[in-house]
Amino acid sequence: MVVLSGGLSNTSTRDLIQFLTSGEARQARPRAKSKVGWSDGRRKFGEVSGAIKAVMSQSDSEMRMKTIHEEVERLLGGKVSFQSVADFLIKNSKGSKPLFERPRYGHYRLLG
């Protein structure tokens, strides 16, 4: 058998209950401005691909994938998954209308 005694006589508990039942707890709190992208840190859709295209458009020759990744991070001002950059380059260098050409292993060039 559990005996509860003096639960509401605890000062911190009593103060908390008074605060929760007062009007102060019901007042609207100002919300922080939402960050760009997802709350878990993911970027908005198309942000990384747009940065890749921007980086590639500034170069008139082929670029190493590592250099492209570094420039994308610099342009976006934060960390970007290397795999996100690599996946976009690989997928968009194949198919009937590729955006990029892969002249040799690990190097890409913007087409058009």
PDB file of N, CA and C in Angstrom:
ATOM      1  N   MET A   1       0.836  -1.183   0.000  1.00  0.00           N
ATOM      2  CA  MET A   1       0.000   0.000   0.000  1.00  0.00           C
ATOM      3  C   MET A   1       0.879   1.244   0.000  1.00  0.00           C
ATOM      4  N   VAL A   2       0.553   2.195  -0.899  1.00  0.00           N
ATOM      5  CA  VAL A   2       1.312   3.432  -1.008  1.00  0.00           C
ATOM      6  C   VAL A   2       0.539   4.533  -0.316  1.00  0.00           C
ATOM      7  N   VAL A   3       1.236   5.267   0.519  1.00  0.00           N
ATOM      8  CA  VAL A   3       0.602   6.374   1.220  1.00  0.00           C
ATOM      9  C   VAL A   3       1.203   7.662   0.699  1.00  0.00           C
ATOM     10  N   LEU A   4       0.341   8.510   0.188  1.00  0.00           N
ATOM     11  CA  LEU A   4       0.786   9.809  -0.295  1.00  0.00           C
ATOM     12  C   LEU A   4       0.454  10.844   0.760  1.00  0.00           C
ATOM     13  N   SER A   5       1.474  11.519   1.187  1.00  0.00           N
ATOM     14  CA  SER A   5       1.227  12.501   2.233  1.00  0.00           C
ATOM     15  C   SER A   5       2.018  13.757   1.950  1.00  0.00           C
ATOM     16  N   GLY A   6       1.404  14.876   2.063  1.00  0.00           N
ATOM     17  CA  GLY A   6       2.081  16.148   1.920  1.00  0.00           C
ATOM     18  C   GLY A   6       2.450  16.505   0.493  1.00  0.00           C
ATOM     19  N   GLY A   7       1.806  15.907  -0.474  1.00  0.00           N
ATOM     20  CA  GLY A   7       2.134  16.165  -1.869  1.00  0.00           C
ATOM     21  C   GLY A   7       1.935  17.605  -2.267  1.00  0.00           C
ATOM     22  N   LEU A   8       0.889  18.227  -1.780  1.00  0.00           N
ATOM     23  CA  LEU A   8       0.616  19.613  -2.147  1.00  0.00           C
ATOM     24  C   LEU A   8       1.277  20.606  -1.208  1.00  0.00           C
ATOM     25  N   SER A   9       1.911  20.103  -0.158  1.00  0.00           N
ATOM     26  CA  SER A   9       2.591  21.022   0.743  1.00  0.00           C
ATOM     27  C   SER A   9       4.015  21.301   0.274  1.00  0.00           C
ATOM     28  N   ASN A  10       4.474  20.562  -0.717  1.00  0.00           N
ATOM     29  CA  ASN A  10       5.791  20.802  -1.294  1.00  0.00           C
ATOM     30  C   ASN A  10       5.762  22.175  -1.969  1.00  0.00           C
ATOM     31  N   THR A  11       6.692  23.047  -1.608  1.00  0.00           N
ATOM     32  CA  THR A  11       6.681  24.430  -2.092  1.00  0.00           C
ATOM     33  C   THR A  11       6.746  24.506  -3.612  1.00  0.00           C
ATOM     34  N   SER A  12       7.652  23.735  -4.235  1.00  0.00           N
ATOM     35  CA  SER A  12       7.780  23.834  -5.685  1.00  0.00           C
ATOM     36  C   SER A  12       6.536  23.295  -6.385  1.00  0.00           C
ATOM     37  N   THR A  13       5.932  22.255  -5.851  1.00  0.00           N
ATOM     38  CA  THR A  13       4.715  21.708  -6.441  1.00  0.00           C
ATOM     39  C   THR A  13       3.571  22.700  -6.280  1.00  0.00           C
ATOM     40  N   ARG A  14       3.462  23.313  -5.090  1.00  0.00           N
ATOM     41  CA  ARG A  14       2.393  24.278  -4.832  1.00  0.00           C
ATOM     42  C   ARG A  14       2.534  25.475  -5.759  1.00  0.00           C
ATOM     43  N   ASP A  15       3.762  25.970  -5.935  1.00  0.00           N
ATOM     44  CA  ASP A  15       3.992  27.114  -6.825  1.00  0.00           C
ATOM     45  C   ASP A  15       3.653  26.759  -8.269  1.00  0.00           C
ATOM     46  N   LEU A  16       4.003  25.549  -8.694  1.00  0.00           N
ATOM     47  CA  LEU A  16       3.706  25.111 -10.042  1.00  0.00           C
ATOM     48  C   LEU A  16       2.207  25.042 -10.273  1.00  0.00           C
ATOM     49  N   ILE A  17       1.475  24.483  -9.332  1.00  0.00           N
ATOM     50  CA  ILE A  17       0.023  24.383  -9.467  1.00  0.00           C
ATOM     51  C   ILE A  17      -0.602  25.776  -9.509  1.00  0.00           C
ATOM     52  N   GLN A  18      -0.119  26.698  -8.670  1.00  0.00           N
ATOM     53  CA  GLN A  18      -0.642  28.063  -8.695  1.00  0.00           C
ATOM     54  C   GLN A  18      -0.368  28.727 -10.044  1.00  0.00           C
ATOM     55  N   PHE A  19       0.819  28.510 -10.578  1.00  0.00           N
ATOM     56  CA  PHE A  19       1.155  29.100 -11.870  1.00  0.00           C
ATOM     57  C   PHE A  19       0.264  28.533 -12.970  1.00  0.00           C
ATOM     58  N   LEU A  20       0.065  27.212 -12.961  1.00  0.00           N
ATOM     59  CA  LEU A  20      -0.724  26.580 -14.010  1.00  0.00           C
ATOM     60  C   LEU A  20      -2.196  26.967 -13.956  1.00  0.00           C
ATOM     61  N   THR A  21      -2.685  27.261 -12.781  1.00  0.00           N
ATOM     62  CA  THR A  21      -4.100  27.625 -12.651  1.00  0.00           C
ATOM     63  C   THR A  21      -4.314  29.134 -12.752  1.00  0.00           C
ATOM     64  N   SER A  22      -3.253  29.903 -12.773  1.00  0.00           N
ATOM     65  CA  SER A  22      -3.403  31.359 -12.891  1.00  0.00           C
ATOM     66  C   SER A  22      -3.512  31.747 -14.364  1.00  0.00           C
ATOM     67  N   GLY A  23      -3.763  32.980 -14.617  1.00  0.00           N
ATOM     68  CA  GLY A  23      -3.876  33.475 -15.983  1.00  0.00           C
ATOM     69  C   GLY A  23      -2.536  33.554 -16.700  1.00  0.00           C
ATOM     70  N   GLU A  24      -1.441  33.577 -15.936  1.00  0.00           N
ATOM     71  CA  GLU A  24      -0.116  33.704 -16.553  1.00  0.00           C
ATOM     72  C   GLU A  24       0.189  32.539 -17.485  1.00  0.00           C
ATOM     73  N   ALA A  25      -0.233  31.357 -17.115  1.00  0.00           N
ATOM     74  CA  ALA A  25       0.070  30.167 -17.917  1.00  0.00           C
ATOM     75  C   ALA A  25      -0.715  30.160 -19.219  1.00  0.00           C
ATOM     76  N   ARG A  26      -1.842  30.861 -19.239  1.00  0.00           N
ATOM     77  CA  ARG A  26      -2.696  30.848 -20.426  1.00  0.00           C
ATOM     78  C   ARG A  26      -2.316  31.922 -21.442  1.00  0.00           C
ATOM     79  N   GLN A  27      -1.460  32.864 -21.054  1.00  0.00           N
ATOM     80  CA  GLN A  27      -1.083  33.931 -21.975  1.00  0.00           C
ATOM     81  C   GLN A  27      -0.286  33.347 -23.142  1.00  0.00           C
ATOM     82  N   ALA A  28      -0.537  33.913 -24.296  1.00  0.00           N
ATOM     83  CA  ALA A  28       0.172  33.437 -25.489  1.00  0.00           C
ATOM     84  C   ALA A  28       1.638  33.821 -25.400  1.00  0.00           C
ATOM     85  N   ARG A  29       2.476  32.850 -25.668  1.00  0.00           N
ATOM     86  CA  ARG A  29       3.911  33.109 -25.670  1.00  0.00           C
ATOM     87  C   ARG A  29       4.330  33.422 -27.098  1.00  0.00           C
ATOM     88  N   PRO A  30       5.235  34.384 -27.254  1.00  0.00           N
ATOM     89  CA  PRO A  30       5.702  34.679 -28.620  1.00  0.00           C
ATOM     90  C   PRO A  30       6.482  33.481 -29.158  1.00  0.00           C
ATOM     91  N   ARG A  31       6.154  33.087 -30.363  1.00  0.00           N
ATOM     92  CA  ARG A  31       6.829  31.946 -30.977  1.00  0.00           C
ATOM     93  C   ARG A  31       8.087  32.419 -31.685  1.00  0.00           C
ATOM     94  N   ALA A  32       9.083  31.577 -31.615  1.00  0.00           N
ATOM     95  CA  ALA A  32      10.326  31.882 -32.321  1.00  0.00           C
ATOM     96  C   ALA A  32      10.073  31.757 -33.814  1.00  0.00           C
ATOM     97  N   LYS A  33      10.767  32.573 -34.586  1.00  0.00           N
ATOM     98  CA  LYS A  33      10.635  32.491 -36.025  1.00  0.00           C
ATOM     99  C   LYS A  33      11.087  31.123 -36.488  1.00  0.00           C
ATOM    100  N   SER A  34      10.312  30.515 -37.343  1.00  0.00           N
ATOM    101  CA  SER A  34      10.689  29.185 -37.813  1.00  0.00           C
ATOM    102  C   SER A  34      11.899  29.275 -38.722  1.00  0.00           C
ATOM    103  N   LYS A  35      12.737  28.257 -38.615  1.00  0.00           N
ATOM    104  CA  LYS A  35      13.935  28.196 -39.453  1.00  0.00           C
ATOM    105  C   LYS A  35      13.531  27.803 -40.857  1.00  0.00           C
ATOM    106  N   VAL A  36      14.413  28.087 -41.778  1.00  0.00           N
ATOM    107  CA  VAL A  36      14.193  27.653 -43.151  1.00  0.00           C
ATOM    108  C   VAL A  36      14.364  26.153 -43.197  1.00  0.00           C
ATOM    109  N   GLY A  37      13.511  25.481 -43.918  1.00  0.00           N
ATOM    110  CA  GLY A  37      13.625  24.030 -44.041  1.00  0.00           C
ATOM    111  C   GLY A  37      12.860  23.313 -42.953  1.00  0.00           C
ATOM    112  N   TRP A  38      13.294  22.112 -42.652  1.00  0.00           N
ATOM    113  CA  TRP A  38      12.628  21.264 -41.671  1.00  0.00           C
ATOM    114  C   TRP A  38      13.144  21.533 -40.272  1.00  0.00           C
ATOM    115  N   SER A  39      12.344  21.214 -39.270  1.00  0.00           N
ATOM    116  CA  SER A  39      12.739  21.445 -37.885  1.00  0.00           C
ATOM    117  C   SER A  39      13.897  20.550 -37.461  1.00  0.00           C
ATOM    118  N   ASP A  40      14.133  19.458 -38.174  1.00  0.00           N
ATOM    119  CA  ASP A  40      15.235  18.568 -37.810  1.00  0.00           C
ATOM    120  C   ASP A  40      16.526  18.910 -38.546  1.00  0.00           C
ATOM    121  N   GLY A  41      16.563  20.037 -39.232  1.00  0.00           N
ATOM    122  CA  GLY A  41      17.782  20.489 -39.864  1.00  0.00           C
ATOM    123  C   GLY A  41      17.869  20.225 -41.356  1.00  0.00           C
ATOM    124  N   ARG A  42      16.902  19.481 -41.891  1.00  0.00           N
ATOM    125  CA  ARG A  42      16.938  19.244 -43.338  1.00  0.00           C
ATOM    126  C   ARG A  42      16.653  20.546 -44.070  1.00  0.00           C
ATOM    127  N   ARG A  43      17.199  20.632 -45.253  1.00  0.00           N
ATOM    128  CA  ARG A  43      17.022  21.834 -46.056  1.00  0.00           C
ATOM    129  C   ARG A  43      15.723  21.765 -46.860  1.00  0.00           C
ATOM    130  N   LYS A  44      15.296  22.928 -47.349  1.00  0.00           N
ATOM    131  CA  LYS A  44      14.104  22.976 -48.183  1.00  0.00           C
ATOM    132  C   LYS A  44      14.337  22.209 -49.470  1.00  0.00           C
ATOM    133  N   PHE A  45      13.257  21.683 -50.034  1.00  0.00           N
ATOM    134  CA  PHE A  45      13.340  20.911 -51.262  1.00  0.00           C
ATOM    135  C   PHE A  45      13.959  21.754 -52.371  1.00  0.00           C
ATOM    136  N   GLY A  46      14.946  21.209 -53.060  1.00  0.00           N
ATOM    137  CA  GLY A  46      15.580  21.877 -54.185  1.00  0.00           C
ATOM    138  C   GLY A  46      16.718  22.805 -53.832  1.00  0.00           C
ATOM    139  N   GLU A  47      16.963  23.015 -52.548  1.00  0.00           N
ATOM    140  CA  GLU A  47      18.013  23.954 -52.140  1.00  0.00           C
ATOM    141  C   GLU A  47      19.403  23.435 -52.508  1.00  0.00           C
ATOM    142  N   VAL A  48      19.665  22.166 -52.239  1.00  0.00           N
ATOM    143  CA  VAL A  48      20.977  21.594 -52.544  1.00  0.00           C
ATOM    144  C   VAL A  48      21.166  21.468 -54.057  1.00  0.00           C
ATOM    145  N   SER A  49      20.152  20.984 -54.759  1.00  0.00           N
ATOM    146  CA  SER A  49      20.279  20.838 -56.209  1.00  0.00           C
ATOM    147  C   SER A  49      20.479  22.196 -56.880  1.00  0.00           C
ATOM    148  N   GLY A  50      19.800  23.210 -56.392  1.00  0.00           N
ATOM    149  CA  GLY A  50      19.987  24.556 -56.934  1.00  0.00           C
ATOM    150  C   GLY A  50      21.400  25.064 -56.702  1.00  0.00           C
ATOM    151  N   ALA A  51      21.951  24.763 -55.527  1.00  0.00           N
ATOM    152  CA  ALA A  51      23.317  25.181 -55.215  1.00  0.00           C
ATOM    153  C   ALA A  51      24.321  24.441 -56.094  1.00  0.00           C
ATOM    154  N   ILE A  52      24.079  23.156 -56.350  1.00  0.00           N
ATOM    155  CA  ILE A  52      24.966  22.383 -57.225  1.00  0.00           C
ATOM    156  C   ILE A  52      24.972  22.993 -58.625  1.00  0.00           C
ATOM    157  N   LYS A  53      23.793  23.300 -59.136  1.00  0.00           N
ATOM    158  CA  LYS A  53      23.699  23.901 -60.469  1.00  0.00           C
ATOM    159  C   LYS A  53      24.395  25.258 -60.508  1.00  0.00           C
ATOM    160  N   ALA A  54      24.246  26.042 -59.438  1.00  0.00           N
ATOM    161  CA  ALA A  54      24.889  27.350 -59.386  1.00  0.00           C
ATOM    162  C   ALA A  54      26.407  27.221 -59.376  1.00  0.00           C
ATOM    163  N   VAL A  55      26.914  26.282 -58.589  1.00  0.00           N
ATOM    164  CA  VAL A  55      28.358  26.055 -58.519  1.00  0.00           C
ATOM    165  C   VAL A  55      28.885  25.602 -59.875  1.00  0.00           C
ATOM    166  N   MET A  56      28.183  24.676 -60.492  1.00  0.00           N
ATOM    167  CA  MET A  56      28.629  24.131 -61.775  1.00  0.00           C
ATOM    168  C   MET A  56      28.548  25.177 -62.892  1.00  0.00           C
ATOM    169  N   SER A  57      27.593  26.083 -62.806  1.00  0.00           N
ATOM    170  CA  SER A  57      27.449  27.097 -63.854  1.00  0.00           C
ATOM    171  C   SER A  57      28.571  28.133 -63.795  1.00  0.00           C
ATOM    172  N   GLN A  58      29.253  28.241 -62.670  1.00  0.00           N
ATOM    173  CA  GLN A  58      30.351  29.193 -62.535  1.00  0.00           C
ATOM    174  C   GLN A  58      31.663  28.651 -63.107  1.00  0.00           C
ATOM    175  N   SER A  59      31.680  27.380 -63.448  1.00  0.00           N
ATOM    176  CA  SER A  59      32.893  26.766 -63.971  1.00  0.00           C
ATOM    177  C   SER A  59      32.719  26.441 -65.447  1.00  0.00           C
ATOM    178  N   ASP A  60      33.735  26.739 -66.232  1.00  0.00           N
ATOM    179  CA  ASP A  60      33.664  26.426 -67.655  1.00  0.00           C
ATOM    180  C   ASP A  60      34.385  25.120 -67.988  1.00  0.00           C
ATOM    181  N   SER A  61      34.885  24.440 -66.958  1.00  0.00           N
ATOM    182  CA  SER A  61      35.555  23.157 -67.177  1.00  0.00           C
ATOM    183  C   SER A  61      35.013  22.139 -66.173  1.00  0.00           C
ATOM    184  N   GLU A  62      35.509  20.933 -66.255  1.00  0.00           N
ATOM    185  CA  GLU A  62      35.060  19.892 -65.336  1.00  0.00           C
ATOM    186  C   GLU A  62      35.542  20.199 -63.919  1.00  0.00           C
ATOM    187  N   MET A  63      34.794  19.671 -62.942  1.00  0.00           N
ATOM    188  CA  MET A  63      35.145  19.869 -61.529  1.00  0.00           C
ATOM    189  C   MET A  63      35.141  18.530 -60.818  1.00  0.00           C
ATOM    190  N   ARG A  64      35.998  18.407 -59.833  1.00  0.00           N
ATOM    191  CA  ARG A  64      35.999  17.212 -58.992  1.00  0.00           C
ATOM    192  C   ARG A  64      34.753  17.231 -58.111  1.00  0.00           C
ATOM    193  N   MET A  65      34.198  16.063 -57.838  1.00  0.00           N
ATOM    194  CA  MET A  65      33.017  15.976 -56.981  1.00  0.00           C
ATOM    195  C   MET A  65      33.311  16.558 -55.597  1.00  0.00           C
ATOM    196  N   LYS A  66      34.503  16.323 -55.080  1.00  0.00           N
ATOM    197  CA  LYS A  66      34.883  16.843 -53.764  1.00  0.00           C
ATOM    198  C   LYS A  66      34.859  18.375 -53.757  1.00  0.00           C
ATOM    199  N   THR A  67      35.360  18.978 -54.822  1.00  0.00           N
ATOM    200  CA  THR A  67      35.369  20.437 -54.930  1.00  0.00           C
ATOM    201  C   THR A  67      33.947  20.983 -55.054  1.00  0.00           C
ATOM    202  N   ILE A  68      33.124  20.295 -55.812  1.00  0.00           N
ATOM    203  CA  ILE A  68      31.714  20.706 -55.952  1.00  0.00           C
ATOM    204  C   ILE A  68      31.049  20.688 -54.581  1.00  0.00           C
ATOM    205  N   HIS A  69      31.272  19.639 -53.827  1.00  0.00           N
ATOM    206  CA  HIS A  69      30.686  19.511 -52.485  1.00  0.00           C
ATOM    207  C   HIS A  69      31.140  20.654 -51.581  1.00  0.00           C
ATOM    208  N   GLU A  70      32.434  20.956 -51.593  1.00  0.00           N
ATOM    209  CA  GLU A  70      32.962  22.041 -50.760  1.00  0.00           C
ATOM    210  C   GLU A  70      32.338  23.387 -51.141  1.00  0.00           C
ATOM    211  N   GLU A  71      32.199  23.629 -52.435  1.00  0.00           N
ATOM    212  CA  GLU A  71      31.622  24.887 -52.903  1.00  0.00           C
ATOM    213  C   GLU A  71      30.132  24.997 -52.568  1.00  0.00           C
ATOM    214  N   VAL A  72      29.421  23.870 -52.617  1.00  0.00           N
ATOM    215  CA  VAL A  72      28.001  23.861 -52.241  1.00  0.00           C
ATOM    216  C   VAL A  72      27.858  24.205 -50.766  1.00  0.00           C
ATOM    217  N   GLU A  73      28.699  23.626 -49.916  1.00  0.00           N
ATOM    218  CA  GLU A  73      28.657  23.948 -48.486  1.00  0.00           C
ATOM    219  C   GLU A  73      28.970  25.423 -48.244  1.00  0.00           C
ATOM    220  N   ARG A  74      29.949  25.951 -48.967  1.00  0.00           N
ATOM    221  CA  ARG A  74      30.295  27.366 -48.821  1.00  0.00           C
ATOM    222  C   ARG A  74      29.129  28.252 -49.260  1.00  0.00           C
ATOM    223  N   LEU A  75      28.516  27.896 -50.371  1.00  0.00           N
ATOM    224  CA  LEU A  75      27.402  28.684 -50.903  1.00  0.00           C
ATOM    225  C   LEU A  75      26.196  28.674 -49.967  1.00  0.00           C
ATOM    226  N   LEU A  76      25.902  27.508 -49.385  1.00  0.00           N
ATOM    227  CA  LEU A  76      24.741  27.390 -48.498  1.00  0.00           C
ATOM    228  C   LEU A  76      25.061  27.776 -47.048  1.00  0.00           C
ATOM    229  N   GLY A  77      26.338  27.941 -46.745  1.00  0.00           N
ATOM    230  CA  GLY A  77      26.720  28.381 -45.403  1.00  0.00           C
ATOM    231  C   GLY A  77      26.540  27.327 -44.329  1.00  0.00           C
ATOM    232  N   GLY A  78      26.731  26.076 -44.667  1.00  0.00           N
ATOM    233  CA  GLY A  78      26.600  25.016 -43.670  1.00  0.00           C
ATOM    234  C   GLY A  78      26.914  23.658 -44.255  1.00  0.00           C
ATOM    235  N   LYS A  79      26.816  22.666 -43.397  1.00  0.00           N
ATOM    236  CA  LYS A  79      27.123  21.297 -43.806  1.00  0.00           C
ATOM    237  C   LYS A  79      26.063  20.748 -44.752  1.00  0.00           C
ATOM    238  N   VAL A  80      26.531  20.010 -45.734  1.00  0.00           N
ATOM    239  CA  VAL A  80      25.669  19.318 -46.686  1.00  0.00           C
ATOM    240  C   VAL A  80      26.231  17.907 -46.811  1.00  0.00           C
ATOM    241  N   SER A  81      25.371  16.935 -46.814  1.00  0.00           N
ATOM    242  CA  SER A  81      25.814  15.557 -46.959  1.00  0.00           C
ATOM    243  C   SER A  81      26.528  15.369 -48.292  1.00  0.00           C
ATOM    244  N   PHE A  82      27.721  14.774 -48.226  1.00  0.00           N
ATOM    245  CA  PHE A  82      28.465  14.494 -49.451  1.00  0.00           C
ATOM    246  C   PHE A  82      27.645  13.581 -50.350  1.00  0.00           C
ATOM    247  N   GLN A  83      26.925  12.649 -49.726  1.00  0.00           N
ATOM    248  CA  GLN A  83      26.121  11.695 -50.494  1.00  0.00           C
ATOM    249  C   GLN A  83      24.993  12.386 -51.250  1.00  0.00           C
ATOM    250  N   SER A  84      24.440  13.452 -50.700  1.00  0.00           N
ATOM    251  CA  SER A  84      23.388  14.202 -51.401  1.00  0.00           C
ATOM    252  C   SER A  84      23.927  14.808 -52.691  1.00  0.00           C
ATOM    253  N   VAL A  85      25.121  15.373 -52.610  1.00  0.00           N
ATOM    254  CA  VAL A  85      25.742  15.980 -53.788  1.00  0.00           C
ATOM    255  C   VAL A  85      26.082  14.894 -54.804  1.00  0.00           C
ATOM    256  N   ALA A  86      26.719  13.825 -54.326  1.00  0.00           N
ATOM    257  CA  ALA A  86      27.126  12.739 -55.222  1.00  0.00           C
ATOM    258  C   ALA A  86      25.917  12.114 -55.908  1.00  0.00           C
ATOM    259  N   ASP A  87      24.865  11.867 -55.161  1.00  0.00           N
ATOM    260  CA  ASP A  87      23.664  11.241 -55.712  1.00  0.00           C
ATOM    261  C   ASP A  87      23.044  12.110 -56.800  1.00  0.00           C
ATOM    262  N   PHE A  88      22.967  13.421 -56.555  1.00  0.00           N
ATOM    263  CA  PHE A  88      22.381  14.320 -57.543  1.00  0.00           C
ATOM    264  C   PHE A  88      23.211  14.344 -58.823  1.00  0.00           C
ATOM    265  N   LEU A  89      24.535  14.399 -58.680  1.00  0.00           N
ATOM    266  CA  LEU A  89      25.408  14.422 -59.855  1.00  0.00           C
ATOM    267  C   LEU A  89      25.317  13.123 -60.643  1.00  0.00           C
ATOM    268  N   ILE A  90      25.334  11.999 -59.946  1.00  0.00           N
ATOM    269  CA  ILE A  90      25.292  10.697 -60.616  1.00  0.00           C
ATOM    270  C   ILE A  90      23.968  10.512 -61.353  1.00  0.00           C
ATOM    271  N   LYS A  91      22.858  10.784 -60.651  1.00  0.00           N
ATOM    272  CA  LYS A  91      21.539  10.589 -61.257  1.00  0.00           C
ATOM    273  C   LYS A  91      21.303  11.516 -62.447  1.00  0.00           C
ATOM    274  N   ASN A  92      21.852  12.716 -62.373  1.00  0.00           N
ATOM    275  CA  ASN A  92      21.606  13.691 -63.436  1.00  0.00           C
ATOM    276  C   ASN A  92      22.689  13.714 -64.504  1.00  0.00           C
ATOM    277  N   SER A  93      23.518  12.687 -64.504  1.00  0.00           N
ATOM    278  CA  SER A  93      24.488  12.553 -65.599  1.00  0.00           C
ATOM    279  C   SER A  93      24.135  11.356 -66.474  1.00  0.00           C
ATOM    280  N   LYS A  94      22.960  10.786 -66.218  1.00  0.00           N
ATOM    281  CA  LYS A  94      22.489   9.630 -66.989  1.00  0.00           C
ATOM    282  C   LYS A  94      21.110   9.937 -67.550  1.00  0.00           C
ATOM    283  N   GLY A  95      20.638   9.095 -68.429  1.00  0.00           N
ATOM    284  CA  GLY A  95      19.292   9.231 -68.958  1.00  0.00           C
ATOM    285  C   GLY A  95      19.254   9.955 -70.290  1.00  0.00           C
ATOM    286  N   SER A  96      18.033  10.222 -70.730  1.00  0.00           N
ATOM    287  CA  SER A  96      17.857  10.819 -72.058  1.00  0.00           C
ATOM    288  C   SER A  96      18.190  12.316 -72.090  1.00  0.00           C
ATOM    289  N   LYS A  97      18.042  13.021 -70.966  1.00  0.00           N
ATOM    290  CA  LYS A  97      18.336  14.458 -70.906  1.00  0.00           C
ATOM    291  C   LYS A  97      19.223  14.764 -69.697  1.00  0.00           C
ATOM    292  N   PRO A  98      20.480  14.380 -69.744  1.00  0.00           N
ATOM    293  CA  PRO A  98      21.356  14.621 -68.584  1.00  0.00           C
ATOM    294  C   PRO A  98      21.699  16.105 -68.432  1.00  0.00           C
ATOM    295  N   LEU A  99      21.875  16.536 -67.180  1.00  0.00           N
ATOM    296  CA  LEU A  99      22.302  17.907 -66.892  1.00  0.00           C
ATOM    297  C   LEU A  99      23.823  18.009 -66.871  1.00  0.00           C
ATOM    298  N   PHE A 100      24.462  16.895 -66.517  1.00  0.00           N
ATOM    299  CA  PHE A 100      25.907  16.887 -66.352  1.00  0.00           C
ATOM    300  C   PHE A 100      26.540  15.801 -67.208  1.00  0.00           C
ATOM    301  N   GLU A 101      27.801  16.028 -67.513  1.00  0.00           N
ATOM    302  CA  GLU A 101      28.606  15.033 -68.214  1.00  0.00           C
ATOM    303  C   GLU A 101      29.673  14.561 -67.229  1.00  0.00           C
ATOM    304  N   ARG A 102      29.971  13.276 -67.273  1.00  0.00           N
ATOM    305  CA  ARG A 102      31.020  12.715 -66.428  1.00  0.00           C
ATOM    306  C   ARG A 102      32.195  12.330 -67.333  1.00  0.00           C
ATOM    307  N   PRO A 103      33.148  13.260 -67.558  1.00  0.00           N
ATOM    308  CA  PRO A 103      34.244  12.975 -68.482  1.00  0.00           C
ATOM    309  C   PRO A 103      35.208  11.907 -67.965  1.00  0.00           C
ATOM    310  N   ARG A 104      35.332  11.815 -66.658  1.00  0.00           N
ATOM    311  CA  ARG A 104      36.162  10.773 -66.048  1.00  0.00           C
ATOM    312  C   ARG A 104      35.718  10.570 -64.611  1.00  0.00           C
ATOM    313  N   TYR A 105      36.232   9.546 -63.993  1.00  0.00           N
ATOM    314  CA  TYR A 105      35.804   9.153 -62.655  1.00  0.00           C
ATOM    315  C   TYR A 105      35.930  10.338 -61.667  1.00  0.00           C
ATOM    316  N   GLY A 106      34.821  10.648 -60.968  1.00  0.00           N
ATOM    317  CA  GLY A 106      34.821  11.685 -59.940  1.00  0.00           C
ATOM    318  C   GLY A 106      34.821  13.112 -60.444  1.00  0.00           C
ATOM    319  N   HIS A 107      34.674  13.316 -61.738  1.00  0.00           N
ATOM    320  CA  HIS A 107      34.676  14.659 -62.319  1.00  0.00           C
ATOM    321  C   HIS A 107      33.391  14.869 -63.120  1.00  0.00           C
ATOM    322  N   TYR A 108      32.838  16.090 -63.010  1.00  0.00           N
ATOM    323  CA  TYR A 108      31.584  16.396 -63.705  1.00  0.00           C
ATOM    324  C   TYR A 108      31.669  17.765 -64.366  1.00  0.00           C
ATOM    325  N   ARG A 109      30.883  17.938 -65.400  1.00  0.00           N
ATOM    326  CA  ARG A 109      30.811  19.183 -66.153  1.00  0.00           C
ATOM    327  C   ARG A 109      29.341  19.438 -66.482  1.00  0.00           C
ATOM    328  N   LEU A 110      28.926  20.692 -66.368  1.00  0.00           N
ATOM    329  CA  LEU A 110      27.552  21.080 -66.706  1.00  0.00           C
ATOM    330  C   LEU A 110      27.392  21.078 -68.216  1.00  0.00           C
ATOM    331  N   LEU A 111      26.312  20.467 -68.683  1.00  0.00           N
ATOM    332  CA  LEU A 111      26.030  20.448 -70.135  1.00  0.00           C
ATOM    333  C   LEU A 111      25.170  21.650 -70.508  1.00  0.00           C
ATOM    334  N   GLY A 112      25.291  22.058 -71.769  1.00  0.00           N
ATOM    335  CA  GLY A 112      24.420  23.122 -72.278  1.00  0.00           C
ATOM    336  C   GLY A 112      25.034  24.422 -72.099  1.00  0.00           C
TER     337      GLY A 112
END
